[in-house]
Amino acid sequence: MNFDISFGNLVNIFMIAAGIGVSGLSIVQISKAPIDKRVRKYFIFFLWMVIGYITMHLTRQMLEGNVGTGYTIAIYAVTFVEFFISGLMTLMLSLMILYIAAPGKASKTILVILFVLLGLHSAMLLVSQFTGLYYYFDAENVYHRSGLYIVSNVSPVLMLVQDMYLLIRYRDKFAKRVLVAFWIYLVAPLGAIVAQTLFSEVQFVIFATVGAAVNMFAVITSDLTEKYERQQIDASRIDAELSMATRIQADMLPSIFPAFPNRSDFDVYASMKPAKEVGGDFYDFFFIDENKLGIVIADVSGKGVPAALFMMAAKILVQNYAIMKKSPKEALEATNNQICMSNREEMFVTVWLGVLDLTTGVLTAANAGHEYPIFKTPDGKFELLKDKHGFVIGGMEGAKYREYEVKLEKGSMLFVYTDGVAEAANAESELFGTERLLQALNASDAKTPRTVLDGVHAAVDAFVNGAPQFDDITMLCLKYNGNE
């Protein structure tokens, strides 16, 4: 194989080898960068194209001047791949700029134009293979440009013009140093072309393309890495704040059991398992006076911190109005009106509120759109009580609620819960349901409220079998023992 070892070619080989080495190192650096996987794959693919482009250019130079059918076929194939990769690199750059610019509805039109230009570029390269439209090789397999060679750059240049428009039109969407790196990549080859007119043997365009590409990806990768690190710091701060919010919310709910160890006339137990770090469900039980116990369970619309904040406000209002000795009906109406006065987010909460007279066993309750309560007589089974539902709290100012009474005998039990129990779903999206809940209650060891809740939790866990929890699971059980 003959090869030109002139000074110009030796310089070209050095620059190409350096370009391959630098591109390879950039690939290694990017592969370890903490950036989005899809972005990382895109960058690595682009750099492999850069390596392919300059490798094909070097191979063409090495094949030039060697005569023979095999050399002729190889040199035409290598040249086609070189020119095709050049157009594909321009397209990839355009897609990168388009992705960051995000011009909205214009994106589809620009994409169509870009792919049409690439298709036209590829088609004309194929035509040139057989007609010498852009370039040809003489009998000695030496490369020559044809009169229409300049036309071979029309499609890539149009893509670059589109890129320049996007960089100017949407410059505010680019980080300053990223914008500069893009402009360097677009302008550097033009400067190299000017330099090449003075030193025709040296392929400054190859050097400029590789250098500008490596610089562009280094800058973008650095920018994305810094953003990732800031996100990690923010995420750590948010995690810490959520952990604190979880503790605050847990402290807002009664969590020490037995809750009233000096009282033997009743026993109560409750639990909440939020779907997120903080939830929108809440329960409460508190003395209104020495012989009246308030019992609340509620479910706020939505999840997360907003629901938790709304939950705290609703809990405080319900408890305060109940302690002011308003009846369940009056407490819910006052809470609803208070929340409706300043509810710009239009959130709402379902509430079941009961007041148990511990001397008589009479439970007075009202329901604001919550799940039906479940009762068990001393010798009977757990059964739903389909009470009259009122409208949700926060839904409409001036809403009215109905009260009802249930006489609890000694040994009777009350079980209230949120919809996260009945709507717990397994991997097949089948719901646990009210019927399974009743079966779990009646199959549980109903000696104490805690054993009842343990039985239901076990049944729900067995049913969902590890499927993700999408709603808060909150339950409360009370056993009325009566006075000695």
Protein backbone atom coordinates (compact mmCIF):
# COMPACT_ATOMS: atom_id res chain seq x y z
CA MET A 1 0.00 0.00 0.00
CA ASN A 2 1.35 3.39 -1.01
CA PHE A 3 0.94 6.27 1.43
CA ASP A 4 1.88 9.93 1.16
CA ILE A 5 4.26 10.78 4.02
CA SER A 6 4.51 14.47 3.25
CA PHE A 7 4.64 17.01 6.09
CA GLY A 8 0.98 17.95 5.53
CA ASN A 9 -0.19 14.35 5.77
CA LEU A 10 1.90 13.71 8.87
CA VAL A 11 0.29 16.75 10.52
CA ASN A 12 -3.14 15.44 9.48
CA ILE A 13 -2.41 12.01 10.94
CA PHE A 14 -1.25 13.61 14.20
CA MET A 15 -4.40 15.75 14.45
CA ILE A 16 -6.67 12.82 13.60
CA ALA A 17 -4.98 10.56 16.16
CA ALA A 18 -5.25 13.34 18.75
CA GLY A 19 -8.91 13.82 17.84
CA ILE A 20 -9.65 10.10 18.27
CA GLY A 21 -7.84 10.06 21.62
CA VAL A 22 -9.57 13.16 22.97
CA SER A 23 -12.98 11.92 21.79
CA GLY A 24 -12.33 8.56 23.44
CA LEU A 25 -11.39 10.23 26.73
CA SER A 26 -14.53 12.36 26.48
CA ILE A 27 -16.63 9.22 26.06
CA VAL A 28 -15.07 7.75 29.22
CA GLN A 29 -15.70 10.99 31.14
CA ILE A 30 -19.31 11.30 29.98
CA SER A 31 -20.05 7.63 30.71
CA LYS A 32 -19.26 8.32 34.38
CA ALA A 33 -21.02 11.68 34.58
CA PRO A 34 -24.10 11.85 36.89
CA ILE A 35 -26.50 12.92 34.14
CA ASP A 36 -29.67 11.50 32.65
CA LYS A 37 -29.03 8.09 31.02
CA ARG A 38 -30.73 9.03 27.76
CA VAL A 39 -28.70 12.24 27.50
CA ARG A 40 -25.51 10.32 28.29
CA LYS A 41 -26.22 7.76 25.55
CA TYR A 42 -26.93 10.57 23.10
CA PHE A 43 -23.63 12.33 23.86
CA ILE A 44 -21.64 9.09 23.63
CA PHE A 45 -23.28 8.21 20.30
CA PHE A 46 -22.42 11.67 18.94
CA LEU A 47 -18.78 11.32 19.98
CA TRP A 48 -18.58 7.86 18.40
CA MET A 49 -19.80 9.49 15.20
CA VAL A 50 -17.02 12.07 15.53
CA ILE A 51 -14.52 9.23 15.87
CA GLY A 52 -16.11 7.46 12.90
CA TYR A 53 -15.99 10.63 10.80
CA ILE A 54 -12.30 11.34 11.35
CA THR A 55 -11.42 7.63 11.09
CA MET A 56 -13.10 7.44 7.69
CA HIS A 57 -11.23 10.58 6.65
CA LEU A 58 -7.89 9.03 7.70
CA THR A 59 -8.76 5.76 5.97
CA ARG A 60 -9.55 7.61 2.74
CA GLN A 61 -6.20 9.34 2.86
CA MET A 62 -4.45 6.03 3.40
CA LEU A 63 -6.31 4.40 0.49
CA GLU A 64 -5.66 7.26 -1.95
CA GLY A 65 -3.11 6.49 -4.69
CA ASN A 66 -3.49 2.70 -4.42
CA VAL A 67 -4.65 1.15 -7.69
CA GLY A 68 -6.91 -1.87 -7.96
CA THR A 69 -10.59 -2.79 -8.02
CA GLY A 70 -10.62 -3.59 -4.30
CA TYR A 71 -9.06 -0.23 -3.43
CA THR A 72 -11.53 1.59 -5.69
CA ILE A 73 -14.57 -0.06 -4.08
CA ALA A 74 -13.17 0.55 -0.60
CA ILE A 75 -12.29 4.19 -1.17
CA TYR A 76 -15.73 5.00 -2.59
CA ALA A 77 -17.44 3.23 0.31
CA VAL A 78 -15.28 4.97 2.92
CA THR A 79 -15.85 8.38 1.33
CA PHE A 80 -19.62 7.88 1.26
CA VAL A 81 -19.64 6.90 4.94
CA GLU A 82 -17.46 9.93 5.79
CA PHE A 83 -19.81 12.38 4.06
CA PHE A 84 -22.93 10.64 5.40
CA ILE A 85 -21.66 10.75 9.01
CA SER A 86 -20.88 14.44 8.55
CA GLY A 87 -24.54 15.08 7.64
CA LEU A 88 -25.78 12.84 10.47
CA MET A 89 -23.61 14.73 12.98
CA THR A 90 -25.17 17.99 11.80
CA LEU A 91 -28.64 16.48 12.30
CA MET A 92 -27.75 15.26 15.82
CA LEU A 93 -26.50 18.73 16.71
CA SER A 94 -29.75 20.23 15.42
CA LEU A 95 -31.80 17.79 17.49
CA MET A 96 -29.81 18.70 20.60
CA ILE A 97 -30.36 22.43 20.07
CA LEU A 98 -34.05 21.85 19.24
CA TYR A 99 -34.52 19.82 22.44
CA ILE A 100 -33.13 22.62 24.61
CA ALA A 101 -34.86 25.43 22.68
CA ALA A 102 -38.25 23.65 22.86
CA PRO A 103 -40.04 25.95 20.38
CA GLY A 104 -43.41 24.31 21.03
CA LYS A 105 -45.68 23.67 18.04
CA ALA A 106 -42.89 24.61 15.63
CA SER A 107 -40.89 21.56 16.78
CA LYS A 108 -42.74 19.12 14.49
CA THR A 109 -42.23 21.34 11.43
CA ILE A 110 -38.53 21.79 12.19
CA LEU A 111 -38.10 18.03 12.71
CA VAL A 112 -39.69 17.29 9.33
CA ILE A 113 -37.42 19.84 7.63
CA LEU A 114 -34.30 18.38 9.30
CA PHE A 115 -35.04 14.80 8.30
CA VAL A 116 -35.96 15.84 4.75
CA LEU A 117 -32.61 17.64 4.48
CA LEU A 118 -30.74 14.59 5.77
CA GLY A 119 -32.63 12.35 3.34
CA LEU A 120 -31.81 14.68 0.45
CA HIS A 121 -28.16 14.81 1.53
CA SER A 122 -27.95 10.98 1.62
CA ALA A 123 -29.71 10.56 -1.73
CA MET A 124 -27.39 13.01 -3.48
CA LEU A 125 -24.36 11.27 -1.98
CA LEU A 126 -25.55 8.00 -3.52
CA VAL A 127 -26.00 9.73 -6.87
CA SER A 128 -22.47 11.13 -6.61
CA GLN A 129 -21.08 7.63 -6.06
CA PHE A 130 -22.02 6.72 -9.63
CA THR A 131 -21.91 10.10 -11.42
CA GLY A 132 -19.08 12.01 -9.78
CA LEU A 133 -21.53 14.83 -9.05
CA TYR A 134 -19.68 16.02 -5.93
CA TYR A 135 -16.32 14.25 -6.11
CA TYR A 136 -14.52 11.57 -8.07
CA PHE A 137 -11.37 9.48 -8.02
CA ASP A 138 -9.06 9.33 -11.00
CA ALA A 139 -7.38 6.25 -12.41
CA GLU A 140 -4.82 6.42 -9.59
CA ASN A 141 -7.63 6.58 -6.99
CA VAL A 142 -6.75 10.13 -6.05
CA TYR A 143 -9.61 12.23 -4.63
CA HIS A 144 -10.84 15.24 -6.66
CA ARG A 145 -13.70 17.65 -6.06
CA SER A 146 -16.20 18.13 -8.89
CA GLY A 147 -17.58 21.44 -10.06
CA LEU A 148 -20.73 20.93 -8.00
CA TYR A 149 -18.87 19.95 -4.82
CA ILE A 150 -20.19 23.01 -3.03
CA VAL A 151 -23.74 21.66 -3.50
CA SER A 152 -22.83 18.69 -1.26
CA ASN A 153 -22.80 21.09 1.70
CA VAL A 154 -26.19 22.69 0.97
CA SER A 155 -28.25 20.39 3.24
CA PRO A 156 -25.83 20.50 6.21
CA VAL A 157 -25.48 24.27 5.84
CA LEU A 158 -29.28 24.69 5.85
CA MET A 159 -29.39 22.62 9.04
CA LEU A 160 -26.75 24.86 10.58
CA VAL A 161 -28.68 27.97 9.54
CA GLN A 162 -31.72 26.47 11.33
CA ASP A 163 -29.52 25.89 14.39
CA MET A 164 -28.31 29.50 14.34
CA TYR A 165 -31.91 30.72 14.19
CA LEU A 166 -32.85 28.59 17.21
CA LEU A 167 -29.81 29.78 19.17
CA ILE A 168 -30.70 33.42 18.48
CA ARG A 169 -34.49 33.10 18.85
CA TYR A 170 -34.43 31.03 22.05
CA ARG A 171 -31.11 32.17 23.56
CA ASP A 172 -32.77 32.77 26.95
CA LYS A 173 -33.36 29.01 27.32
CA PHE A 174 -29.64 28.20 27.13
CA ALA A 175 -27.11 28.58 29.90
CA LYS A 176 -24.62 31.27 28.81
CA ARG A 177 -21.60 28.98 28.59
CA VAL A 178 -23.62 26.28 26.79
CA LEU A 179 -24.77 28.88 24.26
CA VAL A 180 -21.14 29.96 23.68
CA ALA A 181 -20.08 26.32 23.23
CA PHE A 182 -22.76 25.79 20.57
CA TRP A 183 -21.65 28.90 18.70
CA ILE A 184 -18.02 27.78 18.81
CA TYR A 185 -19.03 24.44 17.30
CA LEU A 186 -20.94 26.22 14.52
CA VAL A 187 -18.32 28.88 13.75
CA ALA A 188 -15.03 27.00 14.29
CA PRO A 189 -15.23 24.98 11.01
CA LEU A 190 -15.74 28.23 9.08
CA GLY A 191 -12.52 29.64 10.53
CA ALA A 192 -10.79 26.37 9.73
CA ILE A 193 -11.88 26.63 6.10
CA VAL A 194 -10.22 30.06 5.87
CA ALA A 195 -7.03 28.65 7.41
CA GLN A 196 -7.13 25.72 5.01
CA THR A 197 -7.04 28.07 2.01
CA LEU A 198 -3.59 29.15 3.20
CA PHE A 199 -2.38 25.64 4.05
CA SER A 200 -4.31 23.40 1.67
CA GLU A 201 -2.56 20.20 2.73
CA VAL A 202 -3.52 20.46 6.40
CA GLN A 203 -7.05 19.38 7.31
CA PHE A 204 -7.88 22.16 9.74
CA VAL A 205 -11.60 21.39 9.38
CA ILE A 206 -11.13 17.98 10.99
CA PHE A 207 -9.18 19.52 13.88
CA ALA A 208 -11.72 22.32 14.36
CA THR A 209 -14.70 19.92 14.24
CA VAL A 210 -13.23 17.55 16.81
CA GLY A 211 -12.01 20.30 19.13
CA ALA A 212 -15.29 22.20 19.02
CA ALA A 213 -17.32 19.00 19.55
CA VAL A 214 -15.25 17.89 22.54
CA ASN A 215 -15.44 21.39 24.05
CA MET A 216 -19.22 21.51 23.48
CA PHE A 217 -19.83 18.19 25.22
CA ALA A 218 -17.44 19.02 28.05
CA VAL A 219 -19.30 22.28 28.73
CA ILE A 220 -22.78 20.72 28.48
CA THR A 221 -21.76 17.74 30.64
CA SER A 222 -20.28 20.07 33.26
CA ASP A 223 -23.45 22.19 33.24
CA LEU A 224 -25.69 19.12 33.61
CA THR A 225 -23.47 17.70 36.35
CA GLU A 226 -23.69 20.94 38.34
CA LYS A 227 -27.48 20.92 37.91
CA TYR A 228 -27.57 17.30 39.09
CA GLU A 229 -25.48 18.12 42.16
CA ARG A 230 -27.77 21.06 42.98
CA GLN A 231 -30.77 18.77 42.58
CA GLN A 232 -29.16 16.25 44.94
CA ILE A 233 -28.61 18.98 47.54
CA ASP A 234 -32.20 20.15 47.11
CA ALA A 235 -33.43 16.55 47.31
CA SER A 236 -31.48 15.99 50.54
CA ARG A 237 -32.96 19.17 51.99
CA ILE A 238 -36.47 18.13 50.92
CA ASP A 239 -35.95 14.65 52.41
CA ALA A 240 -34.88 16.23 55.69
CA GLU A 241 -37.89 18.54 55.68
CA LEU A 242 -40.24 15.67 54.82
CA SER A 243 -38.78 13.60 57.65
CA MET A 244 -39.44 16.50 60.00
CA ALA A 245 -42.97 16.89 58.59
CA THR A 246 -43.53 13.16 59.16
CA ARG A 247 -42.47 13.50 62.78
CA ILE A 248 -44.61 16.61 63.28
CA GLN A 249 -47.63 14.88 61.77
CA ALA A 250 -47.07 11.78 63.90
CA ASP A 251 -46.89 14.00 66.99
CA MET A 252 -50.21 15.61 65.99
CA LEU A 253 -51.98 12.25 66.24
CA PRO A 254 -52.47 10.26 69.45
CA SER A 255 -49.83 7.55 69.31
CA ILE A 256 -49.26 6.40 72.88
CA PHE A 257 -51.29 3.33 73.86
CA PRO A 258 -53.00 2.60 76.08
CA ALA A 259 -54.15 6.17 75.62
CA PHE A 260 -55.92 6.48 78.99
CA PRO A 261 -54.52 3.79 81.28
CA ASN A 262 -56.51 5.09 84.25
CA ARG A 263 -59.83 4.55 82.44
CA SER A 264 -61.33 1.07 82.35
CA ASP A 265 -64.70 2.02 80.84
CA PHE A 266 -63.33 1.97 77.29
CA ASP A 267 -60.30 1.00 75.25
CA VAL A 268 -59.19 2.64 72.01
CA TYR A 269 -56.46 2.00 69.43
CA ALA A 270 -55.68 3.66 66.08
CA SER A 271 -53.05 3.65 63.36
CA MET A 272 -52.17 5.54 60.17
CA LYS A 273 -49.93 4.28 57.37
CA PRO A 274 -49.38 7.15 54.90
CA ALA A 275 -48.88 6.41 51.20
CA LYS A 276 -46.20 9.14 51.10
CA GLU A 277 -43.92 10.60 53.76
CA VAL A 278 -46.86 12.64 55.00
CA GLY A 279 -50.51 11.94 54.44
CA GLY A 280 -53.93 13.55 54.44
CA ASP A 281 -55.73 11.12 56.74
CA PHE A 282 -56.13 11.77 60.43
CA TYR A 283 -57.79 10.34 63.49
CA ASP A 284 -58.28 11.76 66.95
CA PHE A 285 -59.91 10.97 70.28
CA PHE A 286 -60.15 13.37 73.19
CA PHE A 287 -62.17 14.09 76.31
CA ILE A 288 -64.80 16.80 76.00
CA ASP A 289 -65.54 16.47 79.70
CA GLU A 290 -64.99 13.75 82.24
CA ASN A 291 -67.62 11.43 80.76
CA LYS A 292 -67.77 12.38 77.08
CA LEU A 293 -65.23 11.19 74.53
CA GLY A 294 -64.86 12.73 71.08
CA ILE A 295 -63.85 10.38 68.22
CA VAL A 296 -62.83 11.61 64.77
CA ILE A 297 -61.58 10.01 61.59
CA ALA A 298 -61.07 11.94 58.35
CA ASP A 299 -59.61 11.80 54.86
CA VAL A 300 -58.33 14.90 53.02
CA SER A 301 -58.41 15.08 49.22
CA GLY A 302 -54.97 14.79 47.65
CA LYS A 303 -51.68 13.53 49.05
CA GLY A 304 -48.39 14.81 50.37
CA VAL A 305 -47.55 18.07 52.09
CA PRO A 306 -50.60 20.10 50.86
CA ALA A 307 -52.96 17.44 52.19
CA ALA A 308 -51.03 17.26 55.47
CA LEU A 309 -51.28 21.03 56.00
CA PHE A 310 -55.00 20.97 55.21
CA MET A 311 -55.38 17.99 57.54
CA MET A 312 -53.82 19.86 60.46
CA ALA A 313 -56.14 22.83 59.98
CA ALA A 314 -59.23 20.61 59.76
CA LYS A 315 -58.18 18.52 62.78
CA ILE A 316 -57.69 21.56 64.98
CA LEU A 317 -61.03 23.09 63.95
CA VAL A 318 -63.04 19.88 64.51
CA GLN A 319 -61.44 19.27 67.88
CA ASN A 320 -61.87 22.87 69.04
CA TYR A 321 -65.55 23.02 68.12
CA ALA A 322 -66.19 19.63 69.75
CA ILE A 323 -64.42 20.69 72.95
CA MET A 324 -66.60 23.81 72.95
CA LYS A 325 -69.40 21.24 73.50
CA LYS A 326 -71.00 21.74 70.12
CA SER A 327 -72.85 18.65 68.98
CA PRO A 328 -71.27 16.59 66.14
CA LYS A 329 -73.69 18.21 63.68
CA GLU A 330 -72.87 21.73 64.88
CA ALA A 331 -69.11 21.06 65.01
CA LEU A 332 -69.06 19.84 61.39
CA GLU A 333 -71.15 22.78 60.18
CA ALA A 334 -68.90 25.31 61.96
CA THR A 335 -65.75 23.62 60.63
CA ASN A 336 -67.14 23.56 57.10
CA ASN A 337 -68.04 27.25 57.12
CA GLN A 338 -64.65 28.20 58.54
CA ILE A 339 -62.76 26.22 55.88
CA CYS A 340 -64.95 27.47 53.02
CA MET A 341 -64.08 31.06 53.95
CA SER A 342 -60.45 30.59 52.81
CA ASN A 343 -60.13 27.56 50.53
CA ARG A 344 -58.59 28.86 47.30
CA GLU A 345 -57.13 25.45 46.51
CA GLU A 346 -60.66 23.97 46.69
CA MET A 347 -59.54 21.03 48.83
CA PHE A 348 -62.00 19.08 50.91
CA VAL A 349 -62.05 16.54 53.69
CA THR A 350 -64.47 13.74 54.60
CA VAL A 351 -65.10 13.48 58.35
CA TRP A 352 -66.87 11.12 60.69
CA LEU A 353 -67.32 12.65 64.14
CA GLY A 354 -68.81 10.91 67.15
CA VAL A 355 -69.30 11.82 70.80
CA LEU A 356 -69.62 8.89 73.20
CA ASP A 357 -71.32 9.35 76.57
CA LEU A 358 -69.30 6.94 78.69
CA THR A 359 -71.93 6.80 81.44
CA THR A 360 -74.82 5.71 79.19
CA GLY A 361 -73.05 4.21 76.15
CA VAL A 362 -74.95 6.50 73.80
CA LEU A 363 -72.89 7.51 70.76
CA THR A 364 -74.03 10.65 68.92
CA ALA A 365 -72.46 10.99 65.47
CA ALA A 366 -72.55 12.88 62.17
CA ASN A 367 -71.00 11.97 58.83
CA ALA A 368 -69.57 14.46 56.31
CA GLY A 369 -69.14 12.24 53.25
CA HIS A 370 -66.97 9.65 55.02
CA GLU A 371 -67.01 5.84 54.93
CA TYR A 372 -69.79 4.05 56.79
CA PRO A 373 -68.89 3.18 60.41
CA ILE A 374 -68.82 -0.49 61.44
CA PHE A 375 -70.24 -1.73 64.77
CA LYS A 376 -70.08 -5.00 66.66
CA THR A 377 -72.44 -6.00 69.44
CA PRO A 378 -71.03 -8.04 72.34
CA ASP A 379 -72.30 -11.36 70.94
CA GLY A 380 -72.64 -10.39 67.28
CA LYS A 381 -70.57 -9.72 64.19
CA PHE A 382 -69.04 -6.57 62.76
CA GLU A 383 -71.64 -4.93 60.50
CA LEU A 384 -71.86 -1.72 58.47
CA LEU A 385 -74.14 1.04 59.68
CA LYS A 386 -75.27 2.91 56.58
CA ASP A 387 -75.70 6.30 58.18
CA LYS A 388 -76.85 9.45 56.38
CA HIS A 389 -73.97 11.12 54.57
CA GLY A 390 -73.69 14.88 54.48
CA PHE A 391 -71.57 16.87 52.02
CA VAL A 392 -67.77 16.92 52.38
CA ILE A 393 -66.16 19.59 54.55
CA GLY A 394 -64.88 22.44 52.38
CA GLY A 395 -67.19 21.62 49.49
CA MET A 396 -69.97 24.15 49.99
CA GLU A 397 -70.52 26.88 52.55
CA GLY A 398 -73.67 26.52 54.61
CA ALA A 399 -73.88 22.72 54.27
CA LYS A 400 -76.09 21.00 56.87
CA TYR A 401 -75.43 17.67 58.59
CA ARG A 402 -77.59 15.09 60.31
CA GLU A 403 -77.01 13.49 63.68
CA TYR A 404 -77.91 10.00 64.77
CA GLU A 405 -77.52 7.94 67.94
CA VAL A 406 -76.27 4.41 68.54
CA LYS A 407 -76.58 2.72 71.94
CA LEU A 408 -73.42 0.78 72.77
CA GLU A 409 -73.74 -2.11 75.18
CA LYS A 410 -70.91 -3.33 77.35
CA GLY A 411 -68.46 -5.13 75.07
CA SER A 412 -69.64 -3.35 71.90
CA MET A 413 -67.04 -2.19 69.38
CA LEU A 414 -66.82 0.69 66.92
CA PHE A 415 -64.52 0.48 63.87
CA VAL A 416 -63.98 3.50 61.60
CA TYR A 417 -61.53 3.78 58.73
CA THR A 418 -60.58 5.72 55.59
CA ASP A 419 -61.09 4.58 52.00
CA GLY A 420 -57.43 3.57 51.74
CA VAL A 421 -58.38 0.33 53.51
CA ALA A 422 -61.17 -0.76 51.18
CA GLU A 423 -59.34 0.58 48.11
CA ALA A 424 -56.03 -1.15 48.78
CA ALA A 425 -55.18 -2.88 45.49
CA ASN A 426 -53.12 -5.92 44.54
CA ALA A 427 -50.89 -6.32 41.48
CA GLU A 428 -53.95 -7.11 39.32
CA SER A 429 -55.59 -3.80 40.41
CA GLU A 430 -58.27 -5.69 42.33
CA LEU A 431 -59.57 -3.76 45.35
CA PHE A 432 -59.64 -5.15 48.89
CA GLY A 433 -63.23 -3.95 49.22
CA THR A 434 -65.70 -3.60 52.05
CA GLU A 435 -66.72 -7.27 52.01
CA ARG A 436 -63.16 -8.46 52.57
CA LEU A 437 -62.82 -5.82 55.30
CA LEU A 438 -65.87 -7.21 57.12
CA GLN A 439 -64.53 -10.75 56.71
CA ALA A 440 -61.16 -9.66 58.13
CA LEU A 441 -62.85 -7.95 61.07
CA ASN A 442 -64.95 -10.98 61.89
CA ALA A 443 -61.96 -13.30 61.51
CA SER A 444 -59.81 -11.17 63.80
CA ASP A 445 -59.20 -11.68 67.50
CA ALA A 446 -61.73 -9.12 68.73
CA LYS A 447 -60.61 -9.13 72.34
CA THR A 448 -59.10 -5.66 72.16
CA PRO A 449 -59.08 -2.80 69.61
CA ARG A 450 -55.40 -3.44 68.93
CA THR A 451 -55.91 -7.10 68.01
CA VAL A 452 -58.73 -6.02 65.68
CA LEU A 453 -56.47 -3.58 63.84
CA ASP A 454 -53.61 -6.09 63.73
CA GLY A 455 -55.94 -8.58 62.06
CA VAL A 456 -57.11 -6.10 59.43
CA HIS A 457 -53.55 -4.95 58.68
CA ALA A 458 -52.46 -8.56 58.21
CA ALA A 459 -55.39 -9.25 55.86
CA VAL A 460 -54.69 -6.14 53.77
CA ASP A 461 -50.96 -6.90 53.54
CA ALA A 462 -51.64 -10.48 52.47
CA PHE A 463 -54.09 -9.28 49.82
CA VAL A 464 -51.91 -6.58 48.22
CA ASN A 465 -48.87 -8.89 48.44
CA GLY A 466 -46.28 -6.15 48.07
CA ALA A 467 -48.12 -4.02 45.48
CA PRO A 468 -47.49 -0.24 45.80
CA GLN A 469 -49.66 1.64 48.29
CA PHE A 470 -51.52 4.50 46.61
CA ASP A 471 -53.58 5.84 49.50
CA ASP A 472 -53.21 6.39 53.22
CA ILE A 473 -54.47 3.50 55.36
CA THR A 474 -56.02 4.75 58.61
CA MET A 475 -58.12 2.83 61.14
CA LEU A 476 -59.54 3.38 64.61
CA CYS A 477 -61.25 0.89 66.87
CA LEU A 478 -62.97 1.55 70.19
CA LYS A 479 -64.34 -0.97 72.68
CA TYR A 480 -66.95 0.19 75.17
CA ASN A 481 -66.59 -1.60 78.52
CA GLY A 482 -69.15 0.45 80.46
CA ASN A 483 -68.92 1.45 84.08
CA GLU A 484 -68.12 -1.11 86.74
